[in-house]
Amino acid sequence: MDKKFDVFFTDEAKAFILSLDIKLQNKIAYNIQKSREINDPKLLKKL
C-alpha cells in the first residue's frame, strides 16, 4: 500500500517509546504503520 504521510519522532518521543514495555512499543508501531496506510478516523483520534 502507499503511504499517505511520513512520521518523524523527536528525540524525546523516541526516548519515551523506548522506555515503554516491548508490548506497548509494538502496539504503537503497529498503530502508526496502520494509520499511514489506511484512512481510519477512529485510529487517528487515538494517535
PDB file of N, CA and C in Angstrom:
ATOM      1  N   MET A   1       0.839  -1.187   0.000  1.00  0.00           N
ATOM      2  CA  MET A   1       0.000   0.000   0.000  1.00  0.00           C
ATOM      3  C   MET A   1       0.883   1.250   0.000  1.00  0.00           C
ATOM      4  N   ASP A   2       0.325   2.318  -0.481  1.00  0.00           N
ATOM      5  CA  ASP A   2       1.044   3.588  -0.490  1.00  0.00           C
ATOM      6  C   ASP A   2       0.917   4.273   0.862  1.00  0.00           C
ATOM      7  N   LYS A   3       2.006   4.936   1.257  1.00  0.00           N
ATOM      8  CA  LYS A   3       1.972   5.708   2.498  1.00  0.00           C
ATOM      9  C   LYS A   3       1.297   7.047   2.212  1.00  0.00           C
ATOM     10  N   LYS A   4       0.438   7.470   3.121  1.00  0.00           N
ATOM     11  CA  LYS A   4      -0.242   8.755   2.977  1.00  0.00           C
ATOM     12  C   LYS A   4       0.576   9.898   3.582  1.00  0.00           C
ATOM     13  N   PHE A   5       1.436   9.569   4.547  1.00  0.00           N
ATOM     14  CA  PHE A   5       2.290  10.579   5.170  1.00  0.00           C
ATOM     15  C   PHE A   5       3.461   9.880   5.845  1.00  0.00           C
ATOM     16  N   ASP A   6       4.484  10.653   6.175  1.00  0.00           N
ATOM     17  CA  ASP A   6       5.650  10.135   6.891  1.00  0.00           C
ATOM     18  C   ASP A   6       5.561  10.562   8.344  1.00  0.00           C
ATOM     19  N   VAL A   7       6.196   9.792   9.195  1.00  0.00           N
ATOM     20  CA  VAL A   7       6.203  10.084  10.626  1.00  0.00           C
ATOM     21  C   VAL A   7       7.652  10.280  11.060  1.00  0.00           C
ATOM     22  N   PHE A   8       7.911  11.387  11.727  1.00  0.00           N
ATOM     23  CA  PHE A   8       9.223  11.678  12.282  1.00  0.00           C
ATOM     24  C   PHE A   8       9.062  11.872  13.780  1.00  0.00           C
ATOM     25  N   PHE A   9       9.964  11.283  14.553  1.00  0.00           N
ATOM     26  CA  PHE A   9       9.899  11.380  16.004  1.00  0.00           C
ATOM     27  C   PHE A   9      10.983  12.321  16.514  1.00  0.00           C
ATOM     28  N   THR A  10      10.649  13.088  17.527  1.00  0.00           N
ATOM     29  CA  THR A  10      11.665  13.877  18.214  1.00  0.00           C
ATOM     30  C   THR A  10      12.490  12.930  19.081  1.00  0.00           C
ATOM     31  N   ASP A  11      13.634  13.398  19.541  1.00  0.00           N
ATOM     32  CA  ASP A  11      14.469  12.569  20.409  1.00  0.00           C
ATOM     33  C   ASP A  11      13.729  12.213  21.699  1.00  0.00           C
ATOM     34  N   GLU A  12      12.941  13.153  22.208  1.00  0.00           N
ATOM     35  CA  GLU A  12      12.187  12.903  23.429  1.00  0.00           C
ATOM     36  C   GLU A  12      11.120  11.825  23.205  1.00  0.00           C
ATOM     37  N   ALA A  13      10.464  11.873  22.050  1.00  0.00           N
ATOM     38  CA  ALA A  13       9.448  10.870  21.740  1.00  0.00           C
ATOM     39  C   ALA A  13      10.081   9.489  21.600  1.00  0.00           C
ATOM     40  N   LYS A  14      11.230   9.414  20.941  1.00  0.00           N
ATOM     41  CA  LYS A  14      11.940   8.139  20.808  1.00  0.00           C
ATOM     42  C   LYS A  14      12.310   7.583  22.178  1.00  0.00           C
ATOM     43  N   ALA A  15      12.838   8.449  23.039  1.00  0.00           N
ATOM     44  CA  ALA A  15      13.242   8.009  24.372  1.00  0.00           C
ATOM     45  C   ALA A  15      12.031   7.511  25.164  1.00  0.00           C
ATOM     46  N   PHE A  16      10.902   8.209  25.027  1.00  0.00           N
ATOM     47  CA  PHE A  16       9.696   7.796  25.733  1.00  0.00           C
ATOM     48  C   PHE A  16       9.221   6.434  25.246  1.00  0.00           C
ATOM     49  N   ILE A  17       9.152   6.250  23.943  1.00  0.00           N
ATOM     50  CA  ILE A  17       8.675   4.975  23.390  1.00  0.00           C
ATOM     51  C   ILE A  17       9.617   3.842  23.800  1.00  0.00           C
ATOM     52  N   LEU A  18      10.915   4.090  23.769  1.00  0.00           N
ATOM     53  CA  LEU A  18      11.870   3.059  24.165  1.00  0.00           C
ATOM     54  C   LEU A  18      11.811   2.730  25.651  1.00  0.00           C
ATOM     55  N   SER A  19      11.281   3.652  26.451  1.00  0.00           N
ATOM     56  CA  SER A  19      11.166   3.390  27.888  1.00  0.00           C
ATOM     57  C   SER A  19       9.944   2.527  28.219  1.00  0.00           C
ATOM     58  N   LEU A  20       9.051   2.346  27.243  1.00  0.00           N
ATOM     59  CA  LEU A  20       7.852   1.547  27.462  1.00  0.00           C
ATOM     60  C   LEU A  20       8.150   0.062  27.321  1.00  0.00           C
ATOM     61  N   ASP A  21       7.224  -0.739  27.823  1.00  0.00           N
ATOM     62  CA  ASP A  21       7.298  -2.189  27.681  1.00  0.00           C
ATOM     63  C   ASP A  21       7.297  -2.547  26.193  1.00  0.00           C
ATOM     64  N   ILE A  22       7.980  -3.632  25.840  1.00  0.00           N
ATOM     65  CA  ILE A  22       8.099  -4.021  24.430  1.00  0.00           C
ATOM     66  C   ILE A  22       6.732  -4.257  23.794  1.00  0.00           C
ATOM     67  N   LYS A  23       5.791  -4.748  24.552  1.00  0.00           N
ATOM     68  CA  LYS A  23       4.446  -4.990  24.019  1.00  0.00           C
ATOM     69  C   LYS A  23       3.777  -3.667  23.618  1.00  0.00           C
ATOM     70  N   LEU A  24       3.945  -2.653  24.445  1.00  0.00           N
ATOM     71  CA  LEU A  24       3.385  -1.336  24.129  1.00  0.00           C
ATOM     72  C   LEU A  24       4.106  -0.698  22.947  1.00  0.00           C
ATOM     73  N   GLN A  25       5.419  -0.885  22.869  1.00  0.00           N
ATOM     74  CA  GLN A  25       6.178  -0.364  21.735  1.00  0.00           C
ATOM     75  C   GLN A  25       5.654  -0.955  20.429  1.00  0.00           C
ATOM     76  N   ASN A  26       5.410  -2.253  20.431  1.00  0.00           N
ATOM     77  CA  ASN A  26       4.909  -2.921  19.231  1.00  0.00           C
ATOM     78  C   ASN A  26       3.519  -2.425  18.858  1.00  0.00           C
ATOM     79  N   LYS A  27       2.664  -2.193  19.844  1.00  0.00           N
ATOM     80  CA  LYS A  27       1.310  -1.706  19.581  1.00  0.00           C
ATOM     81  C   LYS A  27       1.360  -0.297  18.975  1.00  0.00           C
ATOM     82  N   ILE A  28       2.207   0.547  19.513  1.00  0.00           N
ATOM     83  CA  ILE A  28       2.351   1.906  18.987  1.00  0.00           C
ATOM     84  C   ILE A  28       2.855   1.860  17.550  1.00  0.00           C
ATOM     85  N   ALA A  29       3.872   1.039  17.298  1.00  0.00           N
ATOM     86  CA  ALA A  29       4.427   0.921  15.947  1.00  0.00           C
ATOM     87  C   ALA A  29       3.370   0.406  14.971  1.00  0.00           C
ATOM     88  N   TYR A  30       2.582  -0.576  15.394  1.00  0.00           N
ATOM     89  CA  TYR A  30       1.527  -1.125  14.545  1.00  0.00           C
ATOM     90  C   TYR A  30       0.485  -0.058  14.209  1.00  0.00           C
ATOM     91  N   ASN A  31       0.042   0.681  15.226  1.00  0.00           N
ATOM     92  CA  ASN A  31      -0.979   1.709  15.005  1.00  0.00           C
ATOM     93  C   ASN A  31      -0.468   2.829  14.099  1.00  0.00           C
ATOM     94  N   ILE A  32       0.778   3.209  14.256  1.00  0.00           N
ATOM     95  CA  ILE A  32       1.345   4.253  13.395  1.00  0.00           C
ATOM     96  C   ILE A  32       1.428   3.755  11.960  1.00  0.00           C
ATOM     97  N   GLN A  33       1.918   2.527  11.784  1.00  0.00           N
ATOM     98  CA  GLN A  33       2.016   1.965  10.437  1.00  0.00           C
ATOM     99  C   GLN A  33       0.639   1.855   9.794  1.00  0.00           C
ATOM    100  N   LYS A  34      -0.341   1.395  10.547  1.00  0.00           N
ATOM    101  CA  LYS A  34      -1.705   1.246  10.028  1.00  0.00           C
ATOM    102  C   LYS A  34      -2.275   2.613   9.635  1.00  0.00           C
ATOM    103  N   SER A  35      -2.042   3.627  10.457  1.00  0.00           N
ATOM    104  CA  SER A  35      -2.583   4.954  10.170  1.00  0.00           C
ATOM    105  C   SER A  35      -1.946   5.563   8.925  1.00  0.00           C
ATOM    106  N   ARG A  36      -0.714   5.163   8.607  1.00  0.00           N
ATOM    107  CA  ARG A  36      -0.034   5.673   7.416  1.00  0.00           C
ATOM    108  C   ARG A  36      -0.637   5.109   6.141  1.00  0.00           C
ATOM    109  N   GLU A  37      -1.284   3.956   6.229  1.00  0.00           N
ATOM    110  CA  GLU A  37      -1.787   3.274   5.040  1.00  0.00           C
ATOM    111  C   GLU A  37      -3.304   3.329   4.879  1.00  0.00           C
ATOM    112  N   ILE A  38      -4.025   3.419   5.982  1.00  0.00           N
ATOM    113  CA  ILE A  38      -5.485   3.349   5.938  1.00  0.00           C
ATOM    114  C   ILE A  38      -6.064   4.613   6.552  1.00  0.00           C
ATOM    115  N   ASN A  39      -7.058   5.187   5.907  1.00  0.00           N
ATOM    116  CA  ASN A  39      -7.723   6.372   6.433  1.00  0.00           C
ATOM    117  C   ASN A  39      -8.798   5.939   7.420  1.00  0.00           C
ATOM    118  N   ASP A  40      -8.434   5.879   8.696  1.00  0.00           N
ATOM    119  CA  ASP A  40      -9.351   5.441   9.745  1.00  0.00           C
ATOM    120  C   ASP A  40      -9.439   6.530  10.815  1.00  0.00           C
ATOM    121  N   PRO A  41     -10.487   7.348  10.789  1.00  0.00           N
ATOM    122  CA  PRO A  41     -10.598   8.449  11.751  1.00  0.00           C
ATOM    123  C   PRO A  41     -10.582   7.996  13.208  1.00  0.00           C
ATOM    124  N   LYS A  42     -11.121   6.820  13.473  1.00  0.00           N
ATOM    125  CA  LYS A  42     -11.125   6.291  14.832  1.00  0.00           C
ATOM    126  C   LYS A  42      -9.705   6.028  15.318  1.00  0.00           C
ATOM    127  N   LEU A  43      -8.882   5.468  14.450  1.00  0.00           N
ATOM    128  CA  LEU A  43      -7.488   5.202  14.806  1.00  0.00           C
ATOM    129  C   LEU A  43      -6.700   6.494  14.945  1.00  0.00           C
ATOM    130  N   LEU A  44      -6.872   7.423  14.024  1.00  0.00           N
ATOM    131  CA  LEU A  44      -6.132   8.689  14.082  1.00  0.00           C
ATOM    132  C   LEU A  44      -6.489   9.492  15.336  1.00  0.00           C
ATOM    133  N   LYS A  45      -7.715   9.344  15.803  1.00  0.00           N
ATOM    134  CA  LYS A  45      -8.123  10.041  17.013  1.00  0.00           C
ATOM    135  C   LYS A  45      -7.302   9.571  18.198  1.00  0.00           C
ATOM    136  N   LYS A  46      -6.970   8.275  18.247  1.00  0.00           N
ATOM    137  CA  LYS A  46      -6.165   7.728  19.324  1.00  0.00           C
ATOM    138  C   LYS A  46      -4.742   8.242  19.282  1.00  0.00           C
ATOM    139  N   LEU A  47      -4.229   8.454  18.087  1.00  0.00           N
ATOM    140  CA  LEU A  47      -2.855   8.932  17.959  1.00  0.00           C
ATOM    141  C   LEU A  47      -2.832  10.423  18.163  1.00  0.00           C
TER     142      LEU A  47
END
